[in-house]
Amino acid sequence: MVSKKVSLKDSLDTRQAALFVQTASKFKSNVKISVDDKNVNAKSLMCIISLGLAEGVEVTISADGVDEVVAVEEVATVLG
C-alpha cells in the first residue's frame, strides 16, 4: 500500500470531482481518499462529492494493487 498527503489548492466542484474519479478509475489498484475520519472509494463520484472537499483541506490518497505507486502520484496531481 502506498499513500500520499495532498493539500487542496481549490475546492473540488462537480467537474473536477468527475476528472478525479476518471483518473482514479484508470488504475487496477484499489484507490481511496481520506479526510479526517472519512475514508471513501476514489472511483465513486458520489463518495467524492460527499466529502465536500474545500480549498486548503488536507487529504490522504492511498492505493493498494499492481499499479499503486503510479495511481497515487497521478491522482494526487489532479488535486494538487
N, C-alpha and C. Protein backbone atom coordinates (compact mmCIF):
# COMPACT_ATOMS: atom_id res chain seq x y z
N MET A 1 0.85 -1.18 0.00
CA MET A 1 0.00 0.00 0.00
C MET A 1 0.89 1.24 0.00
N VAL A 2 0.49 2.22 -0.81
CA VAL A 2 1.20 3.49 -0.92
C VAL A 2 0.21 4.60 -0.60
N SER A 3 0.68 5.64 0.10
CA SER A 3 -0.21 6.77 0.38
C SER A 3 0.57 8.07 0.28
N LYS A 4 -0.19 9.15 0.09
CA LYS A 4 0.40 10.48 -0.04
C LYS A 4 -0.59 11.51 0.46
N LYS A 5 -0.08 12.49 1.22
CA LYS A 5 -0.92 13.59 1.69
C LYS A 5 -0.84 14.74 0.69
N VAL A 6 -2.02 15.35 0.43
CA VAL A 6 -2.11 16.46 -0.51
C VAL A 6 -2.99 17.54 0.10
N SER A 7 -2.56 18.78 -0.04
CA SER A 7 -3.38 19.91 0.40
C SER A 7 -4.04 20.51 -0.84
N LEU A 8 -5.36 20.63 -0.82
CA LEU A 8 -6.10 21.10 -1.99
C LEU A 8 -5.86 22.59 -2.24
N LYS A 9 -5.53 22.92 -3.50
CA LYS A 9 -5.35 24.32 -3.89
C LYS A 9 -6.70 25.01 -4.04
N ASP A 10 -7.67 24.29 -4.56
CA ASP A 10 -9.01 24.83 -4.82
C ASP A 10 -10.06 23.85 -4.33
N SER A 11 -11.27 24.36 -4.16
CA SER A 11 -12.40 23.49 -3.84
C SER A 11 -12.66 22.57 -5.01
N LEU A 12 -13.21 21.42 -4.73
CA LEU A 12 -13.48 20.44 -5.78
C LEU A 12 -14.94 20.56 -6.20
N ASP A 13 -15.19 21.13 -7.39
CA ASP A 13 -16.55 21.20 -7.89
C ASP A 13 -16.88 19.90 -8.62
N THR A 14 -18.08 19.80 -9.14
CA THR A 14 -18.53 18.54 -9.76
C THR A 14 -17.66 18.14 -10.95
N ARG A 15 -17.28 19.09 -11.76
CA ARG A 15 -16.46 18.77 -12.94
C ARG A 15 -15.08 18.26 -12.52
N GLN A 16 -14.47 18.91 -11.53
CA GLN A 16 -13.17 18.47 -11.04
C GLN A 16 -13.27 17.12 -10.33
N ALA A 17 -14.37 16.91 -9.62
CA ALA A 17 -14.59 15.62 -8.96
C ALA A 17 -14.71 14.51 -10.00
N ALA A 18 -15.39 14.79 -11.11
CA ALA A 18 -15.53 13.81 -12.18
C ALA A 18 -14.17 13.48 -12.80
N LEU A 19 -13.32 14.49 -12.99
CA LEU A 19 -11.98 14.26 -13.52
C LEU A 19 -11.16 13.42 -12.55
N PHE A 20 -11.30 13.71 -11.26
CA PHE A 20 -10.61 12.94 -10.22
C PHE A 20 -11.01 11.47 -10.29
N VAL A 21 -12.31 11.21 -10.34
CA VAL A 21 -12.83 9.84 -10.40
C VAL A 21 -12.38 9.14 -11.68
N GLN A 22 -12.42 9.87 -12.79
CA GLN A 22 -11.99 9.31 -14.07
C GLN A 22 -10.52 8.91 -14.01
N THR A 23 -9.71 9.74 -13.41
CA THR A 23 -8.29 9.44 -13.27
C THR A 23 -8.08 8.22 -12.38
N ALA A 24 -8.74 8.17 -11.24
CA ALA A 24 -8.60 7.04 -10.32
C ALA A 24 -9.08 5.74 -10.96
N SER A 25 -10.10 5.83 -11.80
CA SER A 25 -10.69 4.64 -12.42
C SER A 25 -9.81 4.01 -13.49
N LYS A 26 -8.78 4.71 -13.93
CA LYS A 26 -7.86 4.17 -14.94
C LYS A 26 -7.00 3.05 -14.39
N PHE A 27 -6.91 2.98 -13.08
CA PHE A 27 -5.96 2.06 -12.45
C PHE A 27 -6.64 0.81 -11.91
N LYS A 28 -5.89 -0.29 -11.91
CA LYS A 28 -6.41 -1.55 -11.38
C LYS A 28 -6.41 -1.56 -9.86
N SER A 29 -5.53 -0.76 -9.28
CA SER A 29 -5.42 -0.71 -7.81
C SER A 29 -6.69 -0.19 -7.17
N ASN A 30 -6.87 -0.56 -5.93
CA ASN A 30 -7.96 -0.04 -5.11
C ASN A 30 -7.49 1.33 -4.61
N VAL A 31 -8.14 2.41 -5.05
CA VAL A 31 -7.72 3.77 -4.70
C VAL A 31 -8.73 4.37 -3.73
N LYS A 32 -8.22 4.93 -2.64
CA LYS A 32 -9.06 5.54 -1.60
C LYS A 32 -8.61 6.97 -1.35
N ILE A 33 -9.52 7.78 -0.85
CA ILE A 33 -9.19 9.13 -0.41
C ILE A 33 -9.75 9.31 0.99
N SER A 34 -8.94 9.89 1.87
CA SER A 34 -9.34 10.06 3.27
C SER A 34 -9.26 11.52 3.67
N VAL A 35 -10.28 11.95 4.42
CA VAL A 35 -10.30 13.27 5.03
C VAL A 35 -10.78 13.06 6.46
N ASP A 36 -9.96 13.52 7.41
CA ASP A 36 -10.27 13.31 8.83
C ASP A 36 -10.54 11.83 9.08
N ASP A 37 -11.74 11.46 9.48
CA ASP A 37 -12.05 10.06 9.76
C ASP A 37 -12.84 9.39 8.64
N LYS A 38 -13.05 10.10 7.54
CA LYS A 38 -13.78 9.53 6.40
C LYS A 38 -12.80 8.96 5.39
N ASN A 39 -13.05 7.72 4.98
CA ASN A 39 -12.22 7.03 4.00
C ASN A 39 -13.15 6.46 2.93
N VAL A 40 -13.06 6.98 1.70
CA VAL A 40 -14.00 6.58 0.65
C VAL A 40 -13.28 6.10 -0.60
N ASN A 41 -14.04 5.43 -1.43
CA ASN A 41 -13.57 4.91 -2.71
C ASN A 41 -13.37 6.10 -3.66
N ALA A 42 -12.16 6.25 -4.18
CA ALA A 42 -11.84 7.36 -5.08
C ALA A 42 -12.42 7.16 -6.47
N LYS A 43 -12.98 5.99 -6.74
CA LYS A 43 -13.56 5.71 -8.05
C LYS A 43 -15.06 5.95 -8.08
N SER A 44 -15.61 6.49 -7.00
CA SER A 44 -17.04 6.75 -6.89
C SER A 44 -17.30 8.25 -6.82
N LEU A 45 -17.97 8.78 -7.83
CA LEU A 45 -18.26 10.21 -7.87
C LEU A 45 -19.10 10.64 -6.67
N MET A 46 -20.08 9.86 -6.31
CA MET A 46 -20.93 10.22 -5.17
C MET A 46 -20.13 10.28 -3.87
N CYS A 47 -19.21 9.36 -3.70
CA CYS A 47 -18.37 9.36 -2.50
C CYS A 47 -17.49 10.61 -2.46
N ILE A 48 -16.91 10.97 -3.58
CA ILE A 48 -16.03 12.14 -3.64
C ILE A 48 -16.82 13.41 -3.35
N ILE A 49 -17.99 13.54 -3.96
CA ILE A 49 -18.82 14.73 -3.74
C ILE A 49 -19.26 14.80 -2.28
N SER A 50 -19.54 13.65 -1.68
CA SER A 50 -19.99 13.63 -0.28
C SER A 50 -18.95 14.17 0.69
N LEU A 51 -17.68 14.15 0.30
CA LEU A 51 -16.63 14.66 1.17
C LEU A 51 -16.65 16.19 1.26
N GLY A 52 -17.22 16.85 0.24
CA GLY A 52 -17.27 18.32 0.25
C GLY A 52 -15.89 18.94 0.34
N LEU A 53 -14.99 18.52 -0.52
CA LEU A 53 -13.60 18.96 -0.45
C LEU A 53 -13.45 20.44 -0.78
N ALA A 54 -12.92 21.19 0.17
CA ALA A 54 -12.76 22.63 0.02
C ALA A 54 -11.28 23.01 -0.03
N GLU A 55 -11.03 24.21 -0.47
CA GLU A 55 -9.67 24.73 -0.57
C GLU A 55 -8.95 24.64 0.77
N GLY A 56 -7.70 24.18 0.72
CA GLY A 56 -6.88 24.10 1.93
C GLY A 56 -7.03 22.83 2.75
N VAL A 57 -8.00 22.00 2.42
CA VAL A 57 -8.21 20.75 3.14
C VAL A 57 -7.07 19.78 2.80
N GLU A 58 -6.57 19.08 3.81
CA GLU A 58 -5.53 18.09 3.57
C GLU A 58 -6.17 16.71 3.47
N VAL A 59 -5.89 16.01 2.38
CA VAL A 59 -6.43 14.68 2.15
C VAL A 59 -5.28 13.69 2.03
N THR A 60 -5.60 12.44 2.25
CA THR A 60 -4.63 11.37 2.04
C THR A 60 -5.16 10.46 0.95
N ILE A 61 -4.35 10.27 -0.07
CA ILE A 61 -4.70 9.38 -1.17
C ILE A 61 -3.89 8.10 -0.97
N SER A 62 -4.56 6.97 -1.04
CA SER A 62 -3.87 5.69 -0.89
C SER A 62 -4.32 4.73 -1.96
N ALA A 63 -3.43 3.82 -2.30
CA ALA A 63 -3.75 2.81 -3.31
C ALA A 63 -3.09 1.49 -2.90
N ASP A 64 -3.74 0.42 -3.28
CA ASP A 64 -3.23 -0.91 -2.99
C ASP A 64 -3.47 -1.77 -4.22
N GLY A 65 -2.39 -2.23 -4.85
CA GLY A 65 -2.53 -3.06 -6.03
C GLY A 65 -1.31 -3.00 -6.92
N VAL A 66 -1.44 -3.55 -8.11
CA VAL A 66 -0.31 -3.69 -9.01
C VAL A 66 0.27 -2.36 -9.50
N ASP A 67 -0.55 -1.34 -9.63
CA ASP A 67 -0.08 -0.04 -10.13
C ASP A 67 -0.25 1.07 -9.10
N GLU A 68 -0.09 0.70 -7.82
CA GLU A 68 -0.38 1.62 -6.72
C GLU A 68 0.48 2.88 -6.72
N VAL A 69 1.76 2.77 -7.04
CA VAL A 69 2.64 3.94 -6.99
C VAL A 69 2.23 4.96 -8.04
N VAL A 70 2.02 4.51 -9.25
CA VAL A 70 1.61 5.42 -10.33
C VAL A 70 0.22 5.97 -10.05
N ALA A 71 -0.67 5.16 -9.53
CA ALA A 71 -2.03 5.60 -9.23
C ALA A 71 -2.03 6.76 -8.23
N VAL A 72 -1.30 6.61 -7.14
CA VAL A 72 -1.26 7.66 -6.11
C VAL A 72 -0.68 8.94 -6.68
N GLU A 73 0.40 8.85 -7.42
CA GLU A 73 1.04 10.05 -7.97
C GLU A 73 0.14 10.77 -8.96
N GLU A 74 -0.48 10.01 -9.86
CA GLU A 74 -1.32 10.64 -10.89
C GLU A 74 -2.60 11.24 -10.30
N VAL A 75 -3.23 10.53 -9.37
CA VAL A 75 -4.44 11.02 -8.73
C VAL A 75 -4.12 12.27 -7.90
N ALA A 76 -2.96 12.27 -7.24
CA ALA A 76 -2.55 13.43 -6.43
C ALA A 76 -2.37 14.68 -7.29
N THR A 77 -1.89 14.51 -8.51
CA THR A 77 -1.68 15.68 -9.39
C THR A 77 -3.02 16.33 -9.75
N VAL A 78 -4.08 15.58 -9.81
CA VAL A 78 -5.39 16.15 -10.11
C VAL A 78 -5.83 17.09 -9.00
N LEU A 79 -5.49 16.77 -7.77
CA LEU A 79 -5.89 17.58 -6.62
C LEU A 79 -4.93 18.71 -6.31
N GLY A 80 -3.64 18.46 -6.48
CA GLY A 80 -2.65 19.40 -6.03
C GLY A 80 -2.15 20.29 -7.11
